[in-house]
Amino acid sequence: MDEKRLLLGDRIRQTRRARGISQIQLAEMAQISVSHMSDIETGKTNISLDVFIRIMNALQVSSDWLLQTNASDESEALDKEFTILLSDCSLTEKQLILNMAREMKKGLRTSRE
């Protein structure tokens, strides 16, 4: 099995799960069969550019995010995702999102203690 296909499939699965999307839902969103989605996630099959783009759009992530397999660069990829997310927001929206993020961070850290 091709290691790159396996890493991409794993990244798709991790992202899907983090978004709370089932494999069936993602397959429907990407307009492919559930068995094809499973084969992609397990690295058993190649993924066409068209299907890759539909999965990327369904997961609402950039191609960089899905192709990023080096954990040391993951923080940089997240920073880019935040930049993209905020790029079309007004100043007020950015302030509200920042305030929510601060509260969420505080809540996450409190719950760990």
C-alpha atoms as a PDB file:
ATOM      1  CA  MET A   1       0.000   0.000   0.000  1.00  0.00           C
ATOM      2  CA  ASP A   2       1.250   3.468  -0.892  1.00  0.00           C
ATOM      3  CA  GLU A   3       2.307   5.365   2.251  1.00  0.00           C
ATOM      4  CA  LYS A   4       1.231   8.737   0.824  1.00  0.00           C
ATOM      5  CA  ARG A   5      -2.285   7.430   0.097  1.00  0.00           C
ATOM      6  CA  LEU A   6      -2.444   6.000   3.596  1.00  0.00           C
ATOM      7  CA  LEU A   7      -1.361   9.301   5.180  1.00  0.00           C
ATOM      8  CA  LEU A   8      -3.870  11.311   3.107  1.00  0.00           C
ATOM      9  CA  GLY A   9      -6.661   8.894   3.945  1.00  0.00           C
ATOM     10  CA  ASP A  10      -5.806   9.074   7.626  1.00  0.00           C
ATOM     11  CA  ARG A  11      -5.785  12.868   7.499  1.00  0.00           C
ATOM     12  CA  ILE A  12      -9.209  12.883   5.828  1.00  0.00           C
ATOM     13  CA  ARG A  13     -10.571  10.498   8.479  1.00  0.00           C
ATOM     14  CA  GLN A  14      -9.110  12.535  11.356  1.00  0.00           C
ATOM     15  CA  THR A  15     -10.518  15.767   9.934  1.00  0.00           C
ATOM     16  CA  ARG A  16     -13.919  14.182   9.283  1.00  0.00           C
ATOM     17  CA  ARG A  17     -14.126  12.881  12.835  1.00  0.00           C
ATOM     18  CA  ALA A  18     -12.987  16.199  14.288  1.00  0.00           C
ATOM     19  CA  ARG A  19     -15.828  17.880  12.377  1.00  0.00           C
ATOM     20  CA  GLY A  20     -18.355  15.346  13.698  1.00  0.00           C
ATOM     21  CA  ILE A  21     -19.172  14.049  10.219  1.00  0.00           C
ATOM     22  CA  SER A  22     -19.869  10.361   9.620  1.00  0.00           C
ATOM     23  CA  GLN A  23     -18.246   8.512   6.768  1.00  0.00           C
ATOM     24  CA  ILE A  24     -21.684   8.129   5.170  1.00  0.00           C
ATOM     25  CA  GLN A  25     -22.330  11.870   5.396  1.00  0.00           C
ATOM     26  CA  LEU A  26     -18.943  12.738   3.896  1.00  0.00           C
ATOM     27  CA  ALA A  27     -19.485  10.257   1.061  1.00  0.00           C
ATOM     28  CA  GLU A  28     -22.833  11.890   0.301  1.00  0.00           C
ATOM     29  CA  MET A  29     -21.335  15.375   0.463  1.00  0.00           C
ATOM     30  CA  ALA A  30     -18.512  14.335  -1.877  1.00  0.00           C
ATOM     31  CA  GLN A  31     -20.965  12.516  -4.169  1.00  0.00           C
ATOM     32  CA  ILE A  32     -19.160   9.175  -3.953  1.00  0.00           C
ATOM     33  CA  SER A  33     -20.103   5.753  -2.621  1.00  0.00           C
ATOM     34  CA  VAL A  34     -19.499   4.873   1.013  1.00  0.00           C
ATOM     35  CA  SER A  35     -17.230   1.998  -0.043  1.00  0.00           C
ATOM     36  CA  HIS A  36     -15.120   4.396  -2.147  1.00  0.00           C
ATOM     37  CA  MET A  37     -14.923   6.788   0.830  1.00  0.00           C
ATOM     38  CA  SER A  38     -13.798   3.899   3.016  1.00  0.00           C
ATOM     39  CA  ASP A  39     -11.167   2.875   0.469  1.00  0.00           C
ATOM     40  CA  ILE A  40      -9.864   6.458   0.353  1.00  0.00           C
ATOM     41  CA  GLU A  41      -9.643   6.715   4.138  1.00  0.00           C
ATOM     42  CA  THR A  42      -7.825   3.402   4.414  1.00  0.00           C
ATOM     43  CA  GLY A  43      -5.444   4.216   1.564  1.00  0.00           C
ATOM     44  CA  LYS A  44      -6.660   1.331  -0.596  1.00  0.00           C
ATOM     45  CA  THR A  45      -7.406   3.465  -3.639  1.00  0.00           C
ATOM     46  CA  ASN A  46      -6.107   6.500  -5.444  1.00  0.00           C
ATOM     47  CA  ILE A  47      -8.150   9.657  -5.188  1.00  0.00           C
ATOM     48  CA  SER A  48      -8.933  11.722  -8.251  1.00  0.00           C
ATOM     49  CA  LEU A  49      -8.429  15.468  -8.173  1.00  0.00           C
ATOM     50  CA  ASP A  50     -12.166  16.000  -8.590  1.00  0.00           C
ATOM     51  CA  VAL A  51     -13.012  13.805  -5.594  1.00  0.00           C
ATOM     52  CA  PHE A  52     -10.204  15.370  -3.547  1.00  0.00           C
ATOM     53  CA  ILE A  53     -11.654  18.837  -4.170  1.00  0.00           C
ATOM     54  CA  ARG A  54     -15.175  17.707  -3.237  1.00  0.00           C
ATOM     55  CA  ILE A  55     -13.874  16.165   0.011  1.00  0.00           C
ATOM     56  CA  MET A  56     -11.835  19.285   0.749  1.00  0.00           C
ATOM     57  CA  ASN A  57     -14.913  21.475   0.221  1.00  0.00           C
ATOM     58  CA  ALA A  58     -17.148  19.168   2.254  1.00  0.00           C
ATOM     59  CA  LEU A  59     -14.702  19.264   5.172  1.00  0.00           C
ATOM     60  CA  GLN A  60     -14.219  23.024   4.690  1.00  0.00           C
ATOM     61  CA  VAL A  61     -10.436  22.786   4.803  1.00  0.00           C
ATOM     62  CA  SER A  62      -7.670  23.777   2.427  1.00  0.00           C
ATOM     63  CA  SER A  63      -5.740  21.329   0.304  1.00  0.00           C
ATOM     64  CA  ASP A  64      -2.679  22.235   2.387  1.00  0.00           C
ATOM     65  CA  TRP A  65      -4.479  21.054   5.505  1.00  0.00           C
ATOM     66  CA  LEU A  66      -5.360  17.663   4.036  1.00  0.00           C
ATOM     67  CA  LEU A  67      -1.967  17.135   2.471  1.00  0.00           C
ATOM     68  CA  GLN A  68      -0.103  18.202   5.612  1.00  0.00           C
ATOM     69  CA  THR A  69       1.273  15.020   7.144  1.00  0.00           C
ATOM     70  CA  ASN A  70       4.265  16.394   9.025  1.00  0.00           C
ATOM     71  CA  ALA A  71       3.229  16.998  12.644  1.00  0.00           C
ATOM     72  CA  SER A  72       5.919  19.641  13.169  1.00  0.00           C
ATOM     73  CA  ASP A  73       4.302  21.798  10.468  1.00  0.00           C
ATOM     74  CA  GLU A  74       0.762  21.260  11.726  1.00  0.00           C
ATOM     75  CA  SER A  75       0.756  24.441  13.808  1.00  0.00           C
ATOM     76  CA  GLU A  76       1.648  26.487  10.745  1.00  0.00           C
ATOM     77  CA  ALA A  77      -1.182  24.840   8.791  1.00  0.00           C
ATOM     78  CA  LEU A  78      -3.617  25.679  11.596  1.00  0.00           C
ATOM     79  CA  ASP A  79      -2.440  29.282  11.584  1.00  0.00           C
ATOM     80  CA  LYS A  80      -3.155  29.442   7.857  1.00  0.00           C
ATOM     81  CA  GLU A  81      -6.625  27.965   8.404  1.00  0.00           C
ATOM     82  CA  PHE A  82      -7.398  30.628  11.025  1.00  0.00           C
ATOM     83  CA  THR A  83      -6.192  33.339   8.651  1.00  0.00           C
ATOM     84  CA  ILE A  84      -8.424  32.012   5.881  1.00  0.00           C
ATOM     85  CA  LEU A  85     -11.368  31.695   8.259  1.00  0.00           C
ATOM     86  CA  LEU A  86     -11.056  35.308   9.400  1.00  0.00           C
ATOM     87  CA  SER A  87     -10.157  36.828   6.019  1.00  0.00           C
ATOM     88  CA  ASP A  88     -13.700  37.865   5.109  1.00  0.00           C
ATOM     89  CA  CYS A  89     -14.823  38.879   8.618  1.00  0.00           C
ATOM     90  CA  SER A  90     -15.556  42.422   9.680  1.00  0.00           C
ATOM     91  CA  LEU A  91     -13.643  43.945  12.598  1.00  0.00           C
ATOM     92  CA  THR A  92     -16.639  43.349  14.866  1.00  0.00           C
ATOM     93  CA  GLU A  93     -16.873  39.701  13.807  1.00  0.00           C
ATOM     94  CA  LYS A  94     -13.151  39.232  14.428  1.00  0.00           C
ATOM     95  CA  GLN A  95     -13.484  40.735  17.914  1.00  0.00           C
ATOM     96  CA  LEU A  96     -16.423  38.455  18.738  1.00  0.00           C
ATOM     97  CA  ILE A  97     -14.600  35.379  17.455  1.00  0.00           C
ATOM     98  CA  LEU A  98     -11.503  36.333  19.451  1.00  0.00           C
ATOM     99  CA  ASN A  99     -13.574  36.748  22.629  1.00  0.00           C
ATOM    100  CA  MET A 100     -15.240  33.364  22.065  1.00  0.00           C
ATOM    101  CA  ALA A 101     -11.875  31.720  21.416  1.00  0.00           C
ATOM    102  CA  ARG A 102     -10.483  33.165  24.643  1.00  0.00           C
ATOM    103  CA  GLU A 103     -13.430  31.798  26.625  1.00  0.00           C
ATOM    104  CA  MET A 104     -13.176  28.408  24.945  1.00  0.00           C
ATOM    105  CA  LYS A 105      -9.449  28.236  25.654  1.00  0.00           C
ATOM    106  CA  LYS A 106     -10.042  29.145  29.290  1.00  0.00           C
ATOM    107  CA  GLY A 107     -12.773  26.493  29.523  1.00  0.00           C
ATOM    108  CA  LEU A 108     -10.579  23.824  27.946  1.00  0.00           C
ATOM    109  CA  ARG A 109      -7.727  24.527  30.286  1.00  0.00           C
ATOM    110  CA  THR A 110     -10.018  24.622  33.307  1.00  0.00           C
ATOM    111  CA  SER A 111     -11.557  21.266  32.388  1.00  0.00           C
ATOM    112  CA  ARG A 112      -8.107  19.654  32.175  1.00  0.00           C
ATOM    113  CA  GLU A 113      -7.245  20.615  35.748  1.00  0.00           C
END
